[in-house]
N, C-alpha and C. Protein backbone atom coordinates (compact mmCIF):
# COMPACT_ATOMS: atom_id res chain seq x y z
N MET A 1 -0.05 -4.68 1.04
CA MET A 1 -0.20 -4.02 -0.39
C MET A 1 -0.94 -5.09 -1.36
N GLN A 2 -1.78 -4.33 -2.24
CA GLN A 2 -2.59 -5.26 -3.10
C GLN A 2 -1.79 -5.51 -4.36
N SER A 3 -1.91 -6.88 -4.89
CA SER A 3 -1.30 -7.29 -6.08
C SER A 3 -2.20 -6.75 -7.23
N LEU A 4 -1.86 -6.71 -8.40
CA LEU A 4 -2.61 -6.17 -9.52
C LEU A 4 -2.20 -6.77 -10.82
N ARG A 5 -3.08 -6.95 -11.75
CA ARG A 5 -2.81 -7.31 -13.01
C ARG A 5 -2.71 -6.20 -13.92
N VAL A 6 -1.59 -6.17 -14.68
CA VAL A 6 -1.41 -4.98 -15.56
C VAL A 6 -1.46 -5.37 -17.00
N GLU A 7 -2.43 -4.91 -17.85
CA GLU A 7 -2.49 -5.30 -19.05
C GLU A 7 -1.94 -4.05 -20.06
N ILE A 8 -1.50 -4.28 -21.12
CA ILE A 8 -1.01 -3.23 -22.03
C ILE A 8 -1.41 -3.23 -23.33
N VAL A 9 -2.12 -2.17 -23.81
CA VAL A 9 -2.61 -2.20 -25.18
C VAL A 9 -1.65 -2.28 -26.34
N GLU A 10 -1.97 -2.80 -27.39
CA GLU A 10 -0.94 -3.28 -28.36
C GLU A 10 -0.29 -2.01 -28.89
N SER A 11 -0.97 -0.85 -29.09
CA SER A 11 -0.09 0.42 -29.52
C SER A 11 0.89 0.89 -28.56
N LEU A 12 0.78 0.61 -27.23
CA LEU A 12 1.70 1.03 -26.30
C LEU A 12 2.77 -0.08 -26.36
N ARG A 13 2.30 -1.31 -26.42
CA ARG A 13 3.31 -2.48 -26.41
C ARG A 13 4.31 -2.15 -27.66
N LEU A 14 3.76 -1.63 -28.82
CA LEU A 14 4.63 -1.42 -29.99
C LEU A 14 5.54 -0.21 -29.81
N GLN A 15 4.94 0.76 -29.22
CA GLN A 15 5.66 2.12 -28.85
C GLN A 15 6.88 1.79 -27.94
N VAL A 16 6.64 1.00 -26.95
CA VAL A 16 7.90 0.58 -26.07
C VAL A 16 8.87 -0.36 -26.88
N ALA A 17 8.48 -1.27 -27.62
CA ALA A 17 9.25 -2.00 -28.29
C ALA A 17 10.05 -1.42 -29.50
N GLY A 18 9.66 -0.24 -29.87
CA GLY A 18 10.46 0.47 -30.80
C GLY A 18 11.21 1.68 -30.26
N GLY A 19 11.10 1.67 -28.88
CA GLY A 19 11.86 2.88 -28.12
C GLY A 19 13.29 2.48 -27.84
N ASP A 20 14.03 3.24 -27.08
CA ASP A 20 15.37 2.98 -26.67
C ASP A 20 15.31 1.98 -25.41
N THR A 21 16.50 1.56 -25.29
CA THR A 21 16.76 0.56 -24.17
C THR A 21 16.44 1.00 -22.81
N ARG A 22 16.67 2.26 -22.51
CA ARG A 22 16.33 2.76 -21.16
C ARG A 22 14.78 2.95 -20.93
N THR A 23 14.05 3.25 -21.92
CA THR A 23 12.64 3.27 -21.84
C THR A 23 12.04 1.83 -21.67
N LYS A 24 12.51 0.98 -22.39
CA LYS A 24 12.07 -0.40 -22.22
C LYS A 24 12.28 -0.95 -20.85
N LYS A 25 13.51 -0.63 -20.25
CA LYS A 25 13.95 -1.18 -19.04
C LYS A 25 13.16 -0.54 -18.01
N LEU A 26 12.88 0.81 -18.00
CA LEU A 26 12.01 1.49 -16.94
C LEU A 26 10.58 1.03 -17.10
N PHE A 27 10.14 0.77 -18.25
CA PHE A 27 8.77 0.47 -18.65
C PHE A 27 8.57 -0.87 -17.80
N TYR A 28 9.17 -1.78 -18.10
CA TYR A 28 8.96 -3.06 -17.65
C TYR A 28 9.10 -3.38 -16.10
N LYS A 29 10.01 -2.30 -15.58
CA LYS A 29 10.35 -2.35 -14.23
C LYS A 29 9.23 -1.68 -13.39
N GLN A 30 8.55 -0.66 -13.96
CA GLN A 30 7.41 -0.26 -13.48
C GLN A 30 6.18 -1.03 -13.54
N LYS A 31 6.20 -1.91 -14.57
CA LYS A 31 4.88 -2.86 -14.68
C LYS A 31 5.15 -3.90 -13.56
N GLU A 32 6.36 -4.42 -13.41
CA GLU A 32 6.53 -5.48 -12.53
C GLU A 32 6.36 -4.98 -11.01
N PHE A 33 6.86 -3.66 -10.71
CA PHE A 33 6.61 -3.20 -9.43
C PHE A 33 5.09 -2.84 -9.15
N MET A 34 4.36 -2.33 -10.17
CA MET A 34 3.00 -1.98 -10.09
C MET A 34 2.22 -3.28 -9.70
N GLU A 35 2.53 -4.43 -10.34
CA GLU A 35 2.00 -5.55 -10.09
C GLU A 35 2.12 -6.16 -8.65
N LYS A 36 3.22 -5.98 -8.21
CA LYS A 36 3.49 -6.52 -7.03
C LYS A 36 3.11 -5.46 -5.74
N PHE A 37 3.28 -4.21 -5.96
CA PHE A 37 3.10 -3.30 -5.06
C PHE A 37 2.30 -2.08 -5.53
N SER A 38 1.17 -2.10 -5.90
CA SER A 38 0.23 -1.37 -6.71
C SER A 38 0.06 0.05 -5.84
N ASP A 39 0.11 0.05 -4.49
CA ASP A 39 0.03 1.28 -3.86
C ASP A 39 1.15 1.94 -3.26
N TYR A 40 2.42 1.50 -3.73
CA TYR A 40 3.66 1.93 -3.29
C TYR A 40 3.82 3.33 -3.53
N PRO A 41 4.32 4.27 -2.68
CA PRO A 41 4.23 5.69 -3.02
C PRO A 41 5.20 6.15 -4.02
N SER A 42 6.30 5.46 -4.32
CA SER A 42 7.23 5.82 -5.27
C SER A 42 6.68 5.71 -6.70
N LEU A 43 5.60 4.98 -6.77
CA LEU A 43 4.94 5.01 -8.19
C LEU A 43 4.21 6.32 -8.68
N VAL A 44 3.93 7.06 -7.54
CA VAL A 44 3.37 8.59 -7.52
C VAL A 44 2.03 8.31 -8.51
N LYS A 45 1.14 7.49 -8.02
CA LYS A 45 0.00 7.27 -8.69
C LYS A 45 -0.98 8.52 -8.49
N LYS A 46 -1.56 9.05 -9.45
CA LYS A 46 -2.61 10.13 -9.33
C LYS A 46 -3.60 10.01 -10.30
N LYS A 47 -4.76 10.34 -9.86
CA LYS A 47 -5.94 10.27 -10.61
C LYS A 47 -6.32 11.75 -11.35
N PHE A 48 -6.67 11.65 -12.56
CA PHE A 48 -6.91 13.06 -13.21
C PHE A 48 -8.38 13.30 -13.04
N HIS A 49 -8.58 14.66 -12.85
CA HIS A 49 -9.93 15.10 -12.58
C HIS A 49 -10.64 15.75 -13.79
N ASN A 50 -9.85 15.88 -14.79
CA ASN A 50 -10.23 16.58 -16.04
C ASN A 50 -9.96 15.84 -17.36
N VAL A 51 -9.33 14.69 -17.29
CA VAL A 51 -9.00 13.94 -18.44
C VAL A 51 -9.50 12.58 -18.35
N PHE A 52 -10.20 12.18 -19.69
CA PHE A 52 -10.88 10.82 -19.75
C PHE A 52 -10.42 10.15 -20.84
N ASP A 53 -10.73 8.76 -20.87
CA ASP A 53 -10.46 7.92 -22.04
C ASP A 53 -11.67 8.10 -23.02
N LYS A 54 -11.61 7.52 -24.13
CA LYS A 54 -12.60 7.53 -25.02
C LYS A 54 -13.79 6.85 -24.68
N TYR A 55 -13.95 6.14 -23.55
CA TYR A 55 -15.12 5.52 -23.04
C TYR A 55 -15.75 6.39 -21.78
N GLY A 56 -15.11 7.49 -21.65
CA GLY A 56 -15.50 8.42 -20.48
C GLY A 56 -15.07 7.95 -19.07
N SER A 57 -14.20 6.97 -19.09
CA SER A 57 -13.66 6.56 -17.79
C SER A 57 -12.61 7.46 -17.36
N SER A 58 -12.35 7.51 -15.97
CA SER A 58 -11.44 8.18 -15.33
C SER A 58 -10.03 7.65 -15.61
N LEU A 59 -9.16 8.56 -15.79
CA LEU A 59 -7.69 8.00 -15.93
C LEU A 59 -6.71 8.26 -14.81
N PHE A 60 -5.75 7.52 -14.77
CA PHE A 60 -4.90 7.66 -13.75
C PHE A 60 -3.41 7.81 -14.42
N GLU A 61 -2.43 8.05 -13.76
CA GLU A 61 -1.03 8.10 -14.08
C GLU A 61 -0.15 7.53 -13.21
N ILE A 62 0.93 7.03 -13.55
CA ILE A 62 2.22 6.64 -12.62
C ILE A 62 3.43 7.39 -13.40
N ARG A 63 4.37 7.36 -12.80
CA ARG A 63 5.55 8.00 -13.27
C ARG A 63 6.52 6.89 -13.91
N LEU A 64 6.81 7.28 -15.18
CA LEU A 64 7.88 6.40 -15.84
C LEU A 64 9.25 6.88 -15.47
N ASP A 65 9.48 8.03 -15.66
CA ASP A 65 10.74 8.71 -15.28
C ASP A 65 10.26 10.28 -15.08
N ILE A 66 11.27 11.13 -14.84
CA ILE A 66 10.98 12.34 -14.42
C ILE A 66 10.07 13.34 -15.43
N LYS A 67 10.06 12.89 -16.69
CA LYS A 67 9.58 13.70 -17.71
C LYS A 67 8.23 12.99 -18.23
N ARG A 68 8.21 11.77 -18.09
CA ARG A 68 7.00 10.91 -18.70
C ARG A 68 6.28 10.22 -17.78
N GLN A 69 5.04 10.07 -18.09
CA GLN A 69 4.11 9.35 -17.31
C GLN A 69 3.43 8.12 -18.12
N ILE A 70 2.95 7.19 -17.39
CA ILE A 70 2.18 6.14 -18.11
C ILE A 70 0.75 6.32 -17.64
N VAL A 71 -0.15 6.32 -18.71
CA VAL A 71 -1.45 6.84 -18.37
C VAL A 71 -2.23 5.54 -18.63
N PHE A 72 -3.19 5.25 -17.52
CA PHE A 72 -3.93 3.98 -17.34
C PHE A 72 -5.32 4.20 -17.00
N VAL A 73 -6.23 3.13 -17.10
CA VAL A 73 -7.56 3.07 -16.65
C VAL A 73 -7.85 1.93 -15.84
N GLU A 74 -8.53 1.98 -14.63
CA GLU A 74 -8.88 0.88 -13.82
C GLU A 74 -9.81 0.07 -14.47
N ARG A 75 -9.80 -1.27 -14.37
CA ARG A 75 -10.90 -2.18 -14.79
C ARG A 75 -11.18 -3.13 -13.66
N GLY A 76 -11.86 -2.70 -12.51
CA GLY A 76 -12.11 -3.52 -11.46
C GLY A 76 -11.05 -3.34 -10.55
N PRO A 77 -11.12 -4.01 -9.37
CA PRO A 77 -10.37 -3.82 -8.19
C PRO A 77 -8.99 -4.49 -8.48
N ASP A 78 -8.67 -5.36 -9.38
CA ASP A 78 -7.60 -6.01 -9.49
C ASP A 78 -6.95 -5.95 -10.89
N LYS A 79 -7.37 -5.08 -11.68
CA LYS A 79 -6.72 -5.05 -13.06
C LYS A 79 -6.95 -3.62 -13.44
N VAL A 80 -5.78 -3.27 -14.26
CA VAL A 80 -5.59 -1.86 -14.81
C VAL A 80 -5.14 -2.22 -16.39
N VAL A 81 -5.42 -1.18 -17.09
CA VAL A 81 -4.92 -1.23 -18.48
C VAL A 81 -4.11 0.01 -18.72
N TRP A 82 -2.83 -0.25 -19.16
CA TRP A 82 -1.86 0.77 -19.62
C TRP A 82 -2.07 1.30 -21.02
N LEU A 83 -2.41 2.59 -21.24
CA LEU A 83 -2.80 3.11 -22.50
C LEU A 83 -1.66 3.78 -23.23
N LYS A 84 -0.88 4.66 -22.56
CA LYS A 84 -0.06 5.48 -23.44
C LYS A 84 0.97 6.02 -22.41
N ILE A 85 2.10 6.32 -23.00
CA ILE A 85 3.09 7.17 -22.55
C ILE A 85 3.00 8.70 -22.83
N CYS A 86 2.82 9.57 -21.85
CA CYS A 86 2.73 11.00 -22.15
C CYS A 86 3.62 11.83 -21.33
N ASN A 87 3.97 13.05 -21.79
CA ASN A 87 4.62 13.91 -21.17
C ASN A 87 3.74 14.89 -20.20
N HIS A 88 4.11 15.52 -19.29
CA HIS A 88 3.50 16.34 -18.48
C HIS A 88 2.50 17.39 -19.35
N ASP A 89 3.11 18.15 -20.30
CA ASP A 89 2.43 19.13 -21.00
C ASP A 89 1.28 18.47 -21.76
N GLU A 90 1.56 17.37 -22.36
CA GLU A 90 0.54 16.74 -23.29
C GLU A 90 -0.75 16.38 -22.17
N LEU A 91 -0.51 15.86 -21.16
CA LEU A 91 -1.68 15.73 -20.33
C LEU A 91 -2.28 16.80 -19.78
N THR A 92 -1.75 18.00 -19.43
CA THR A 92 -2.37 19.13 -18.86
C THR A 92 -3.17 19.97 -19.94
N LYS A 93 -2.94 19.69 -21.37
CA LYS A 93 -3.55 20.39 -22.45
C LYS A 93 -4.73 19.75 -22.85
N LYS A 94 -4.93 18.33 -22.39
CA LYS A 94 -6.02 17.71 -23.01
C LYS A 94 -7.07 17.21 -22.01
N GLU A 95 -8.25 16.82 -22.61
CA GLU A 95 -9.38 16.72 -21.90
C GLU A 95 -9.80 15.08 -22.11
N LEU A 96 -9.23 14.51 -23.15
CA LEU A 96 -9.37 13.14 -23.77
C LEU A 96 -8.10 12.58 -24.16
N ILE A 97 -7.90 11.43 -23.66
CA ILE A 97 -6.63 10.70 -24.20
C ILE A 97 -7.21 9.47 -24.83
N CYS A 98 -6.84 9.43 -26.18
CA CYS A 98 -7.41 8.31 -27.08
C CYS A 98 -6.34 7.42 -27.56
N VAL A 99 -6.71 6.15 -27.59
CA VAL A 99 -5.75 5.15 -28.18
C VAL A 99 -6.70 4.35 -28.99
N HIS A 100 -6.09 3.98 -30.22
CA HIS A 100 -6.98 3.26 -31.08
C HIS A 100 -7.53 1.81 -30.87
N ASP A 101 -6.53 1.25 -29.83
CA ASP A 101 -7.09 -0.13 -29.31
C ASP A 101 -8.26 -0.07 -28.66
N ASP A 102 -8.96 -1.36 -28.58
CA ASP A 102 -10.12 -1.56 -27.81
C ASP A 102 -9.53 -2.16 -26.55
N TYR A 103 -10.07 -1.90 -25.36
CA TYR A 103 -9.65 -2.52 -24.04
C TYR A 103 -10.95 -2.59 -23.19
């Protein structure tokens, strides 16, 4: 399994910091797990075919918990940038996921 560098945009870092203890714990657990075992099946990594970031790049998701996913973009073979936590309905209704941060 391949190791990976996970970067987090500032707006997401602030969202998590202001969240509840459970969300923080799950978020950083998934980050550590993805960095060590990026292809592990329990991350439930999926590529979107109809949702893009503000630069037109394809987006991916991994599961945070049963109701929420972490949306990210790949930046090369060994780096991803986590952009936002979304629920399933938010992801299926959009064609574009925007964050104000540059990445």
